[in-house]
Amino acid sequence: MKTFEFKPGLPETLLGRLEADVDAKIKALFARCPALCGFSVRDRAGLPKDMDKNRIPDADLFVTEIGIFPKLDDEQYSEIYDEITLAISDLVYEQPHAYDYLRGRTFARTLH
């Protein structure tokens, strides 16, 4: 898992709040989407140009490598993709530092 780079000027309290917000949003996302196993968040660098239309609004981030089990139809897959996109977009809107924090991360369902 990618570690967060501490940037000068980003107080530890802000980092802690950001981590807590991301954790809460991702847990809620997995709770709403029981078939979702995991996904990655990438920035534009290194992605094929045809993926540009799939950019998360206002974030210049992309959801990739979505793992779903059991296999769903296209409509259900689109609903899960929309849920992921909305969660990431909300995080970046609410906390601009979330862009750097989310970029390059992979999120996976935790089984206990």
PDB file of N, CA and C in Angstrom:
ATOM      1  N   MET A   1       0.842  -1.170   0.000  1.00  0.00           N
ATOM      2  CA  MET A   1       0.000   0.000   0.000  1.00  0.00           C
ATOM      3  C   MET A   1       0.889   1.235   0.000  1.00  0.00           C
ATOM      4  N   LYS A   2       0.515   2.227  -0.761  1.00  0.00           N
ATOM      5  CA  LYS A   2       1.294   3.450  -0.864  1.00  0.00           C
ATOM      6  C   LYS A   2       1.212   4.230   0.441  1.00  0.00           C
ATOM      7  N   THR A   3       2.336   4.746   0.883  1.00  0.00           N
ATOM      8  CA  THR A   3       2.340   5.559   2.085  1.00  0.00           C
ATOM      9  C   THR A   3       2.147   7.011   1.712  1.00  0.00           C
ATOM     10  N   PHE A   4       1.551   7.752   2.588  1.00  0.00           N
ATOM     11  CA  PHE A   4       1.286   9.168   2.347  1.00  0.00           C
ATOM     12  C   PHE A   4       2.555   9.959   2.577  1.00  0.00           C
ATOM     13  N   GLU A   5       2.898  10.791   1.617  1.00  0.00           N
ATOM     14  CA  GLU A   5       4.070  11.637   1.767  1.00  0.00           C
ATOM     15  C   GLU A   5       3.678  12.871   2.566  1.00  0.00           C
ATOM     16  N   PHE A   6       4.358  13.085   3.649  1.00  0.00           N
ATOM     17  CA  PHE A   6       4.071  14.279   4.437  1.00  0.00           C
ATOM     18  C   PHE A   6       4.643  15.482   3.719  1.00  0.00           C
ATOM     19  N   LYS A   7       3.815  16.464   3.489  1.00  0.00           N
ATOM     20  CA  LYS A   7       4.248  17.676   2.806  1.00  0.00           C
ATOM     21  C   LYS A   7       4.347  18.797   3.828  1.00  0.00           C
ATOM     22  N   PRO A   8       5.403  19.595   3.741  1.00  0.00           N
ATOM     23  CA  PRO A   8       5.510  20.733   4.651  1.00  0.00           C
ATOM     24  C   PRO A   8       4.256  21.593   4.567  1.00  0.00           C
ATOM     25  N   GLY A   9       3.771  21.988   5.713  1.00  0.00           N
ATOM     26  CA  GLY A   9       2.585  22.833   5.743  1.00  0.00           C
ATOM     27  C   GLY A   9       1.299  22.041   5.931  1.00  0.00           C
ATOM     28  N   LEU A  10       1.371  20.714   5.891  1.00  0.00           N
ATOM     29  CA  LEU A  10       0.192  19.890   6.116  1.00  0.00           C
ATOM     30  C   LEU A  10       0.248  19.380   7.552  1.00  0.00           C
ATOM     31  N   PRO A  11      -0.489  20.026   8.452  1.00  0.00           N
ATOM     32  CA  PRO A  11      -0.421  19.638   9.867  1.00  0.00           C
ATOM     33  C   PRO A  11      -0.839  18.183  10.070  1.00  0.00           C
ATOM     34  N   GLU A  12      -0.239  17.569  11.082  1.00  0.00           N
ATOM     35  CA  GLU A  12      -0.559  16.176  11.379  1.00  0.00           C
ATOM     36  C   GLU A  12      -2.036  15.993  11.699  1.00  0.00           C
ATOM     37  N   THR A  13      -2.668  16.997  12.292  1.00  0.00           N
ATOM     38  CA  THR A  13      -4.097  16.878  12.580  1.00  0.00           C
ATOM     39  C   THR A  13      -4.896  16.805  11.282  1.00  0.00           C
ATOM     40  N   LEU A  14      -4.472  17.557  10.262  1.00  0.00           N
ATOM     41  CA  LEU A  14      -5.144  17.498   8.964  1.00  0.00           C
ATOM     42  C   LEU A  14      -4.935  16.135   8.324  1.00  0.00           C
ATOM     43  N   LEU A  15      -3.729  15.601   8.409  1.00  0.00           N
ATOM     44  CA  LEU A  15      -3.438  14.278   7.885  1.00  0.00           C
ATOM     45  C   LEU A  15      -4.297  13.227   8.591  1.00  0.00           C
ATOM     46  N   GLY A  16      -4.396  13.305   9.897  1.00  0.00           N
ATOM     47  CA  GLY A  16      -5.213  12.358  10.654  1.00  0.00           C
ATOM     48  C   GLY A  16      -6.677  12.435  10.266  1.00  0.00           C
ATOM     49  N   ARG A  17      -7.173  13.653  10.091  1.00  0.00           N
ATOM     50  CA  ARG A  17      -8.569  13.829   9.688  1.00  0.00           C
ATOM     51  C   ARG A  17      -8.791  13.296   8.279  1.00  0.00           C
ATOM     52  N   LEU A  18      -7.830  13.557   7.384  1.00  0.00           N
ATOM     53  CA  LEU A  18      -7.928  13.061   6.016  1.00  0.00           C
ATOM     54  C   LEU A  18      -7.969  11.537   6.002  1.00  0.00           C
ATOM     55  N   GLU A  19      -7.072  10.910   6.722  1.00  0.00           N
ATOM     56  CA  GLU A  19      -7.051   9.444   6.779  1.00  0.00           C
ATOM     57  C   GLU A  19      -8.360   8.893   7.337  1.00  0.00           C
ATOM     58  N   ALA A  20      -8.890   9.526   8.379  1.00  0.00           N
ATOM     59  CA  ALA A  20     -10.152   9.083   8.967  1.00  0.00           C
ATOM     60  C   ALA A  20     -11.311   9.254   7.989  1.00  0.00           C
ATOM     61  N   ASP A  21     -11.337  10.377   7.278  1.00  0.00           N
ATOM     62  CA  ASP A  21     -12.399  10.618   6.299  1.00  0.00           C
ATOM     63  C   ASP A  21     -12.344   9.606   5.156  1.00  0.00           C
ATOM     64  N   VAL A  22     -11.142   9.347   4.651  1.00  0.00           N
ATOM     65  CA  VAL A  22     -10.988   8.374   3.568  1.00  0.00           C
ATOM     66  C   VAL A  22     -11.420   6.998   4.057  1.00  0.00           C
ATOM     67  N   ASP A  23     -10.975   6.603   5.235  1.00  0.00           N
ATOM     68  CA  ASP A  23     -11.330   5.300   5.791  1.00  0.00           C
ATOM     69  C   ASP A  23     -12.848   5.161   5.934  1.00  0.00           C
ATOM     70  N   ALA A  24     -13.501   6.190   6.448  1.00  0.00           N
ATOM     71  CA  ALA A  24     -14.958   6.135   6.636  1.00  0.00           C
ATOM     72  C   ALA A  24     -15.691   6.050   5.296  1.00  0.00           C
ATOM     73  N   LYS A  25     -15.268   6.855   4.320  1.00  0.00           N
ATOM     74  CA  LYS A  25     -15.930   6.839   3.004  1.00  0.00           C
ATOM     75  C   LYS A  25     -15.748   5.502   2.304  1.00  0.00           C
ATOM     76  N   ILE A  26     -14.548   4.942   2.383  1.00  0.00           N
ATOM     77  CA  ILE A  26     -14.282   3.676   1.701  1.00  0.00           C
ATOM     78  C   ILE A  26     -15.029   2.527   2.386  1.00  0.00           C
ATOM     79  N   LYS A  27     -15.078   2.525   3.708  1.00  0.00           N
ATOM     80  CA  LYS A  27     -15.847   1.491   4.414  1.00  0.00           C
ATOM     81  C   LYS A  27     -17.323   1.579   4.057  1.00  0.00           C
ATOM     82  N   ALA A  28     -17.855   2.800   3.984  1.00  0.00           N
ATOM     83  CA  ALA A  28     -19.255   2.987   3.613  1.00  0.00           C
ATOM     84  C   ALA A  28     -19.495   2.527   2.170  1.00  0.00           C
ATOM     85  N   LEU A  29     -18.542   2.802   1.295  1.00  0.00           N
ATOM     86  CA  LEU A  29     -18.644   2.374  -0.098  1.00  0.00           C
ATOM     87  C   LEU A  29     -18.720   0.853  -0.190  1.00  0.00           C
ATOM     88  N   PHE A  30     -17.839   0.155   0.505  1.00  0.00           N
ATOM     89  CA  PHE A  30     -17.863  -1.302   0.481  1.00  0.00           C
ATOM     90  C   PHE A  30     -19.147  -1.850   1.114  1.00  0.00           C
ATOM     91  N   ALA A  31     -19.684  -1.159   2.109  1.00  0.00           N
ATOM     92  CA  ALA A  31     -20.942  -1.594   2.725  1.00  0.00           C
ATOM     93  C   ALA A  31     -22.111  -1.445   1.742  1.00  0.00           C
ATOM     94  N   ARG A  32     -22.110  -0.375   0.959  1.00  0.00           N
ATOM     95  CA  ARG A  32     -23.180  -0.138  -0.022  1.00  0.00           C
ATOM     96  C   ARG A  32     -23.065  -1.058  -1.237  1.00  0.00           C
ATOM     97  N   CYS A  33     -21.874  -1.553  -1.506  1.00  0.00           N
ATOM     98  CA  CYS A  33     -21.609  -2.362  -2.709  1.00  0.00           C
ATOM     99  C   CYS A  33     -21.020  -3.713  -2.306  1.00  0.00           C
ATOM    100  N   PRO A  34     -21.858  -4.651  -1.879  1.00  0.00           N
ATOM    101  CA  PRO A  34     -21.334  -5.924  -1.371  1.00  0.00           C
ATOM    102  C   PRO A  34     -20.572  -6.749  -2.413  1.00  0.00           C
ATOM    103  N   ALA A  35     -20.799  -6.530  -3.691  1.00  0.00           N
ATOM    104  CA  ALA A  35     -20.077  -7.276  -4.720  1.00  0.00           C
ATOM    105  C   ALA A  35     -18.699  -6.677  -5.015  1.00  0.00           C
ATOM    106  N   LEU A  36     -18.446  -5.462  -4.549  1.00  0.00           N
ATOM    107  CA  LEU A  36     -17.172  -4.796  -4.804  1.00  0.00           C
ATOM    108  C   LEU A  36     -16.074  -5.420  -3.948  1.00  0.00           C
ATOM    109  N   CYS A  37     -15.022  -5.896  -4.604  1.00  0.00           N
ATOM    110  CA  CYS A  37     -13.885  -6.495  -3.893  1.00  0.00           C
ATOM    111  C   CYS A  37     -12.734  -5.516  -3.750  1.00  0.00           C
ATOM    112  N   GLY A  38     -12.554  -4.623  -4.735  1.00  0.00           N
ATOM    113  CA  GLY A  38     -11.473  -3.665  -4.661  1.00  0.00           C
ATOM    114  C   GLY A  38     -11.390  -2.823  -5.914  1.00  0.00           C
ATOM    115  N   PHE A  39     -10.546  -1.791  -5.850  1.00  0.00           N
ATOM    116  CA  PHE A  39     -10.333  -0.905  -6.992  1.00  0.00           C
ATOM    117  C   PHE A  39      -9.082  -0.080  -6.736  1.00  0.00           C
ATOM    118  N   SER A  40      -8.562   0.515  -7.800  1.00  0.00           N
ATOM    119  CA  SER A  40      -7.397   1.391  -7.704  1.00  0.00           C
ATOM    120  C   SER A  40      -7.770   2.780  -8.192  1.00  0.00           C
ATOM    121  N   VAL A  41      -7.037   3.763  -7.701  1.00  0.00           N
ATOM    122  CA  VAL A  41      -7.219   5.150  -8.120  1.00  0.00           C
ATOM    123  C   VAL A  41      -5.893   5.612  -8.709  1.00  0.00           C
ATOM    124  N   ARG A  42      -5.936   6.111  -9.934  1.00  0.00           N
ATOM    125  CA  ARG A  42      -4.737   6.553 -10.632  1.00  0.00           C
ATOM    126  C   ARG A  42      -4.921   7.973 -11.135  1.00  0.00           C
ATOM    127  N   ASP A  43      -3.792   8.625 -11.435  1.00  0.00           N
ATOM    128  CA  ASP A  43      -3.874   9.928 -12.091  1.00  0.00           C
ATOM    129  C   ASP A  43      -3.644   9.724 -13.588  1.00  0.00           C
ATOM    130  N   ARG A  44      -3.652  10.804 -14.329  1.00  0.00           N
ATOM    131  CA  ARG A  44      -3.581  10.743 -15.789  1.00  0.00           C
ATOM    132  C   ARG A  44      -2.288  10.120 -16.315  1.00  0.00           C
ATOM    133  N   ALA A  45      -1.188  10.284 -15.614  1.00  0.00           N
ATOM    134  CA  ALA A  45       0.115   9.800 -16.094  1.00  0.00           C
ATOM    135  C   ALA A  45       0.072   8.295 -16.354  1.00  0.00           C
ATOM    136  N   GLY A  46       0.441   7.913 -17.563  1.00  0.00           N
ATOM    137  CA  GLY A  46       0.549   6.506 -17.891  1.00  0.00           C
ATOM    138  C   GLY A  46      -0.725   5.817 -18.307  1.00  0.00           C
ATOM    139  N   LEU A  47      -1.846   6.536 -18.320  1.00  0.00           N
ATOM    140  CA  LEU A  47      -3.096   5.906 -18.731  1.00  0.00           C
ATOM    141  C   LEU A  47      -3.315   6.106 -20.228  1.00  0.00           C
ATOM    142  N   PRO A  48      -3.959   5.157 -20.873  1.00  0.00           N
ATOM    143  CA  PRO A  48      -4.279   5.340 -22.296  1.00  0.00           C
ATOM    144  C   PRO A  48      -5.204   6.546 -22.491  1.00  0.00           C
ATOM    145  N   LYS A  49      -5.075   7.226 -23.616  1.00  0.00           N
ATOM    146  CA  LYS A  49      -5.876   8.425 -23.880  1.00  0.00           C
ATOM    147  C   LYS A  49      -7.368   8.141 -23.922  1.00  0.00           C
ATOM    148  N   ASP A  50      -7.771   6.935 -24.301  1.00  0.00           N
ATOM    149  CA  ASP A  50      -9.197   6.638 -24.384  1.00  0.00           C
ATOM    150  C   ASP A  50      -9.868   6.585 -23.013  1.00  0.00           C
ATOM    151  N   MET A  51      -9.101   6.568 -21.945  1.00  0.00           N
ATOM    152  CA  MET A  51      -9.683   6.560 -20.602  1.00  0.00           C
ATOM    153  C   MET A  51     -10.026   7.960 -20.112  1.00  0.00           C
ATOM    154  N   ASP A  52      -9.634   8.992 -20.848  1.00  0.00           N
ATOM    155  CA  ASP A  52      -9.863  10.356 -20.407  1.00  0.00           C
ATOM    156  C   ASP A  52     -11.332  10.643 -20.136  1.00  0.00           C
ATOM    157  N   LYS A  53     -12.224  10.036 -20.900  1.00  0.00           N
ATOM    158  CA  LYS A  53     -13.651  10.280 -20.706  1.00  0.00           C
ATOM    159  C   LYS A  53     -14.151   9.700 -19.383  1.00  0.00           C
ATOM    160  N   ASN A  54     -13.372   8.830 -18.753  1.00  0.00           N
ATOM    161  CA  ASN A  54     -13.765   8.197 -17.498  1.00  0.00           C
ATOM    162  C   ASN A  54     -13.198   8.909 -16.275  1.00  0.00           C
ATOM    163  N   ARG A  55     -12.707  10.127 -16.464  1.00  0.00           N
ATOM    164  CA  ARG A  55     -12.104  10.883 -15.373  1.00  0.00           C
ATOM    165  C   ARG A  55     -13.149  11.202 -14.302  1.00  0.00           C
ATOM    166  N   ILE A  56     -12.720  11.161 -13.052  1.00  0.00           N
ATOM    167  CA  ILE A  56     -13.589  11.564 -11.952  1.00  0.00           C
ATOM    168  C   ILE A  56     -13.741  13.080 -12.026  1.00  0.00           C
ATOM    169  N   PRO A  57     -14.956  13.569 -12.027  1.00  0.00           N
ATOM    170  CA  PRO A  57     -15.169  15.021 -12.152  1.00  0.00           C
ATOM    171  C   PRO A  57     -14.392  15.818 -11.112  1.00  0.00           C
ATOM    172  N   ASP A  58     -13.781  16.898 -11.552  1.00  0.00           N
ATOM    173  CA  ASP A  58     -13.057  17.844 -10.704  1.00  0.00           C
ATOM    174  C   ASP A  58     -11.860  17.248  -9.974  1.00  0.00           C
ATOM    175  N   ALA A  59     -11.424  16.049 -10.332  1.00  0.00           N
ATOM    176  CA  ALA A  59     -10.327  15.433  -9.596  1.00  0.00           C
ATOM    177  C   ALA A  59      -9.158  15.028 -10.481  1.00  0.00           C
ATOM    178  N   ASP A  60      -9.376  14.848 -11.777  1.00  0.00           N
ATOM    179  CA  ASP A  60      -8.354  14.356 -12.688  1.00  0.00           C
ATOM    180  C   ASP A  60      -7.773  13.038 -12.183  1.00  0.00           C
ATOM    181  N   LEU A  61      -8.620  12.238 -11.573  1.00  0.00           N
ATOM    182  CA  LEU A  61      -8.269  10.900 -11.112  1.00  0.00           C
ATOM    183  C   LEU A  61      -9.121   9.893 -11.868  1.00  0.00           C
ATOM    184  N   PHE A  62      -8.642   8.662 -11.921  1.00  0.00           N
ATOM    185  CA  PHE A  62      -9.334   7.618 -12.660  1.00  0.00           C
ATOM    186  C   PHE A  62      -9.459   6.376 -11.785  1.00  0.00           C
ATOM    187  N   VAL A  63     -10.598   5.718 -11.858  1.00  0.00           N
ATOM    188  CA  VAL A  63     -10.809   4.455 -11.161  1.00  0.00           C
ATOM    189  C   VAL A  63     -10.417   3.349 -12.123  1.00  0.00           C
ATOM    190  N   THR A  64      -9.530   2.472 -11.680  1.00  0.00           N
ATOM    191  CA  THR A  64      -9.066   1.377 -12.528  1.00  0.00           C
ATOM    192  C   THR A  64      -9.126   0.068 -11.743  1.00  0.00           C
ATOM    193  N   GLU A  65      -8.979  -1.016 -12.440  1.00  0.00           N
ATOM    194  CA  GLU A  65      -8.843  -2.343 -11.834  1.00  0.00           C
ATOM    195  C   GLU A  65      -9.947  -2.641 -10.822  1.00  0.00           C
ATOM    196  N   ILE A  66     -11.173  -2.450 -11.234  1.00  0.00           N
ATOM    197  CA  ILE A  66     -12.304  -2.717 -10.350  1.00  0.00           C
ATOM    198  C   ILE A  66     -12.514  -4.220 -10.269  1.00  0.00           C
ATOM    199  N   GLY A  67     -12.507  -4.735  -9.043  1.00  0.00           N
ATOM    200  CA  GLY A  67     -12.753  -6.158  -8.815  1.00  0.00           C
ATOM    201  C   GLY A  67     -14.152  -6.352  -8.274  1.00  0.00           C
ATOM    202  N   ILE A  68     -14.934  -7.179  -8.943  1.00  0.00           N
ATOM    203  CA  ILE A  68     -16.321  -7.436  -8.529  1.00  0.00           C
ATOM    204  C   ILE A  68     -16.547  -8.944  -8.534  1.00  0.00           C
ATOM    205  N   PHE A  69     -17.180  -9.436  -7.480  1.00  0.00           N
ATOM    206  CA  PHE A  69     -17.563 -10.837  -7.415  1.00  0.00           C
ATOM    207  C   PHE A  69     -18.869 -10.942  -6.645  1.00  0.00           C
ATOM    208  N   PRO A  70     -19.840 -11.661  -7.144  1.00  0.00           N
ATOM    209  CA  PRO A  70     -19.861 -12.383  -8.405  1.00  0.00           C
ATOM    210  C   PRO A  70     -19.995 -11.419  -9.580  1.00  0.00           C
ATOM    211  N   LYS A  71     -19.765 -11.945 -10.774  1.00  0.00           N
ATOM    212  CA  LYS A  71     -19.842 -11.127 -11.985  1.00  0.00           C
ATOM    213  C   LYS A  71     -21.242 -10.535 -12.104  1.00  0.00           C
ATOM    214  N   LEU A  72     -21.283  -9.241 -12.452  1.00  0.00           N
ATOM    215  CA  LEU A  72     -22.547  -8.527 -12.567  1.00  0.00           C
ATOM    216  C   LEU A  72     -22.794  -8.115 -14.011  1.00  0.00           C
ATOM    217  N   ASP A  73     -24.038  -7.754 -14.306  1.00  0.00           N
ATOM    218  CA  ASP A  73     -24.318  -7.268 -15.657  1.00  0.00           C
ATOM    219  C   ASP A  73     -23.820  -5.831 -15.793  1.00  0.00           C
ATOM    220  N   ASP A  74     -23.845  -5.314 -17.011  1.00  0.00           N
ATOM    221  CA  ASP A  74     -23.294  -3.988 -17.298  1.00  0.00           C
ATOM    222  C   ASP A  74     -23.960  -2.886 -16.478  1.00  0.00           C
ATOM    223  N   GLU A  75     -25.247  -2.970 -16.276  1.00  0.00           N
ATOM    224  CA  GLU A  75     -25.964  -1.935 -15.513  1.00  0.00           C
ATOM    225  C   GLU A  75     -25.513  -1.929 -14.046  1.00  0.00           C
ATOM    226  N   GLN A  76     -25.401  -3.101 -13.449  1.00  0.00           N
ATOM    227  CA  GLN A  76     -24.956  -3.191 -12.057  1.00  0.00           C
ATOM    228  C   GLN A  76     -23.495  -2.735 -11.925  1.00  0.00           C
ATOM    229  N   TYR A  77     -22.665  -3.107 -12.892  1.00  0.00           N
ATOM    230  CA  TYR A  77     -21.271  -2.671 -12.894  1.00  0.00           C
ATOM    231  C   TYR A  77     -21.206  -1.143 -12.953  1.00  0.00           C
ATOM    232  N   SER A  78     -22.024  -0.537 -13.811  1.00  0.00           N
ATOM    233  CA  SER A  78     -22.059   0.924 -13.935  1.00  0.00           C
ATOM    234  C   SER A  78     -22.487   1.587 -12.633  1.00  0.00           C
ATOM    235  N   GLU A  79     -23.417   0.979 -11.937  1.00  0.00           N
ATOM    236  CA  GLU A  79     -23.865   1.523 -10.651  1.00  0.00           C
ATOM    237  C   GLU A  79     -22.730   1.524  -9.634  1.00  0.00           C
ATOM    238  N   ILE A  80     -21.962   0.443  -9.584  1.00  0.00           N
ATOM    239  CA  ILE A  80     -20.832   0.373  -8.657  1.00  0.00           C
ATOM    240  C   ILE A  80     -19.759   1.384  -9.066  1.00  0.00           C
ATOM    241  N   TYR A  81     -19.482   1.473 -10.352  1.00  0.00           N
ATOM    242  CA  TYR A  81     -18.514   2.464 -10.832  1.00  0.00           C
ATOM    243  C   TYR A  81     -18.948   3.870 -10.425  1.00  0.00           C
ATOM    244  N   ASP A  82     -20.227   4.176 -10.583  1.00  0.00           N
ATOM    245  CA  ASP A  82     -20.743   5.491 -10.198  1.00  0.00           C
ATOM    246  C   ASP A  82     -20.601   5.733  -8.701  1.00  0.00           C
ATOM    247  N   GLU A  83     -20.826   4.714  -7.901  1.00  0.00           N
ATOM    248  CA  GLU A  83     -20.672   4.829  -6.440  1.00  0.00           C
ATOM    249  C   GLU A  83     -19.223   5.148  -6.077  1.00  0.00           C
ATOM    250  N   ILE A  84     -18.279   4.454  -6.709  1.00  0.00           N
ATOM    251  CA  ILE A  84     -16.863   4.699  -6.453  1.00  0.00           C
ATOM    252  C   ILE A  84     -16.502   6.126  -6.861  1.00  0.00           C
ATOM    253  N   THR A  85     -16.915   6.510  -8.061  1.00  0.00           N
ATOM    254  CA  THR A  85     -16.614   7.842  -8.580  1.00  0.00           C
ATOM    255  C   THR A  85     -17.168   8.926  -7.665  1.00  0.00           C
ATOM    256  N   LEU A  86     -18.381   8.764  -7.212  1.00  0.00           N
ATOM    257  CA  LEU A  86     -18.996   9.748  -6.321  1.00  0.00           C
ATOM    258  C   LEU A  86     -18.246   9.840  -4.997  1.00  0.00           C
ATOM    259  N   ALA A  87     -17.863   8.700  -4.432  1.00  0.00           N
ATOM    260  CA  ALA A  87     -17.133   8.708  -3.161  1.00  0.00           C
ATOM    261  C   ALA A  87     -15.789   9.424  -3.300  1.00  0.00           C
ATOM    262  N   ILE A  88     -15.048   9.128  -4.361  1.00  0.00           N
ATOM    263  CA  ILE A  88     -13.744   9.764  -4.572  1.00  0.00           C
ATOM    264  C   ILE A  88     -13.912  11.254  -4.853  1.00  0.00           C
ATOM    265  N   SER A  89     -14.877  11.598  -5.682  1.00  0.00           N
ATOM    266  CA  SER A  89     -15.143  13.002  -6.004  1.00  0.00           C
ATOM    267  C   SER A  89     -15.508  13.791  -4.748  1.00  0.00           C
ATOM    268  N   ASP A  90     -16.352  13.218  -3.902  1.00  0.00           N
ATOM    269  CA  ASP A  90     -16.727  13.879  -2.641  1.00  0.00           C
ATOM    270  C   ASP A  90     -15.515  14.110  -1.752  1.00  0.00           C
ATOM    271  N   LEU A  91     -14.657  13.110  -1.648  1.00  0.00           N
ATOM    272  CA  LEU A  91     -13.458  13.246  -0.817  1.00  0.00           C
ATOM    273  C   LEU A  91     -12.569  14.380  -1.302  1.00  0.00           C
ATOM    274  N   VAL A  92     -12.352  14.451  -2.603  1.00  0.00           N
ATOM    275  CA  VAL A  92     -11.483  15.491  -3.158  1.00  0.00           C
ATOM    276  C   VAL A  92     -12.124  16.864  -3.018  1.00  0.00           C
ATOM    277  N   TYR A  93     -13.438  16.935  -3.162  1.00  0.00           N
ATOM    278  CA  TYR A  93     -14.143  18.209  -3.005  1.00  0.00           C
ATOM    279  C   TYR A  93     -14.067  18.693  -1.555  1.00  0.00           C
ATOM    280  N   GLU A  94     -14.293  17.770  -0.615  1.00  0.00           N
ATOM    281  CA  GLU A  94     -14.316  18.129   0.802  1.00  0.00           C
ATOM    282  C   GLU A  94     -12.921  18.450   1.334  1.00  0.00           C
ATOM    283  N   GLN A  95     -11.917  17.755   0.831  1.00  0.00           N
ATOM    284  CA  GLN A  95     -10.539  17.948   1.302  1.00  0.00           C
ATOM    285  C   GLN A  95      -9.594  17.915   0.112  1.00  0.00           C
ATOM    286  N   PRO A  96      -9.152  19.052  -0.360  1.00  0.00           N
ATOM    287  CA  PRO A  96      -8.279  19.092  -1.539  1.00  0.00           C
ATOM    288  C   PRO A  96      -7.010  18.239  -1.417  1.00  0.00           C
ATOM    289  N   HIS A  97      -6.513  18.029  -0.215  1.00  0.00           N
ATOM    290  CA  HIS A  97      -5.321  17.192  -0.033  1.00  0.00           C
ATOM    291  C   HIS A  97      -5.613  15.722  -0.326  1.00  0.00           C
ATOM    292  N   ALA A  98      -6.877  15.370  -0.423  1.00  0.00           N
ATOM    293  CA  ALA A  98      -7.236  13.980  -0.699  1.00  0.00           C
ATOM    294  C   ALA A  98      -6.741  13.543  -2.073  1.00  0.00           C
ATOM    295  N   TYR A  99      -6.593  14.477  -2.996  1.00  0.00           N
ATOM    296  CA  TYR A  99      -6.095  14.136  -4.331  1.00  0.00           C
ATOM    297  C   TYR A  99      -4.740  13.430  -4.222  1.00  0.00           C
ATOM    298  N   ASP A 100      -3.799  14.048  -3.535  1.00  0.00           N
ATOM    299  CA  ASP A 100      -2.471  13.456  -3.384  1.00  0.00           C
ATOM    300  C   ASP A 100      -2.515  12.167  -2.565  1.00  0.00           C
ATOM    301  N   TYR A 101      -3.396  12.120  -1.598  1.00  0.00           N
ATOM    302  CA  TYR A 101      -3.504  10.953  -0.735  1.00  0.00           C
ATOM    303  C   TYR A 101      -4.077   9.747  -1.496  1.00  0.00           C
ATOM    304  N   LEU A 102      -5.058   9.983  -2.353  1.00  0.00           N
ATOM    305  CA  LEU A 102      -5.739   8.898  -3.060  1.00  0.00           C
ATOM    306  C   LEU A 102      -4.980   8.402  -4.282  1.00  0.00           C
ATOM    307  N   ARG A 103      -4.253   9.291  -4.914  1.00  0.00           N
ATOM    308  CA  ARG A 103      -3.556   8.964  -6.163  1.00  0.00           C
ATOM    309  C   ARG A 103      -2.591   7.802  -5.951  1.00  0.00           C
ATOM    310  N   GLY A 104      -2.762   6.747  -6.764  1.00  0.00           N
ATOM    311  CA  GLY A 104      -1.880   5.586  -6.706  1.00  0.00           C
ATOM    312  C   GLY A 104      -2.264   4.548  -5.669  1.00  0.00           C
ATOM    313  N   ARG A 105      -3.367   4.742  -4.995  1.00  0.00           N
ATOM    314  CA  ARG A 105      -3.782   3.780  -3.965  1.00  0.00           C
ATOM    315  C   ARG A 105      -4.691   2.704  -4.528  1.00  0.00           C
ATOM    316  N   THR A 106      -4.629   1.549  -3.890  1.00  0.00           N
ATOM    317  CA  THR A 106      -5.542   0.455  -4.169  1.00  0.00           C
ATOM    318  C   THR A 106      -6.315   0.179  -2.894  1.00  0.00           C
ATOM    319  N   PHE A 107      -7.621   0.035  -3.029  1.00  0.00           N
ATOM    320  CA  PHE A 107      -8.479  -0.241  -1.895  1.00  0.00           C
ATOM    321  C   PHE A 107      -9.086  -1.630  -2.075  1.00  0.00           C
ATOM    322  N   ALA A 108      -9.090  -2.405  -1.005  1.00  0.00           N
ATOM    323  CA  ALA A 108      -9.637  -3.767  -1.067  1.00  0.00           C
ATOM    324  C   ALA A 108     -10.540  -4.008   0.129  1.00  0.00           C
ATOM    325  N   ARG A 109     -11.553  -4.810  -0.114  1.00  0.00           N
ATOM    326  CA  ARG A 109     -12.481  -5.183   0.954  1.00  0.00           C
ATOM    327  C   ARG A 109     -11.696  -5.951   2.016  1.00  0.00           C
ATOM    328  N   THR A 110     -11.982  -5.679   3.260  1.00  0.00           N
ATOM    329  CA  THR A 110     -11.345  -6.366   4.373  1.00  0.00           C
ATOM    330  C   THR A 110     -12.284  -7.458   4.864  1.00  0.00           C
ATOM    331  N   LEU A 111     -11.788  -8.680   4.916  1.00  0.00           N
ATOM    332  CA  LEU A 111     -12.576  -9.795   5.414  1.00  0.00           C
ATOM    333  C   LEU A 111     -12.067 -10.169   6.801  1.00  0.00           C
ATOM    334  N   HIS A 112     -12.994 -10.377   7.705  1.00  0.00           N
ATOM    335  CA  HIS A 112     -12.622 -10.759   9.078  1.00  0.00           C
ATOM    336  C   HIS A 112     -13.083 -12.157   9.380  1.00  0.00           C
TER     337      HIS A 112
END
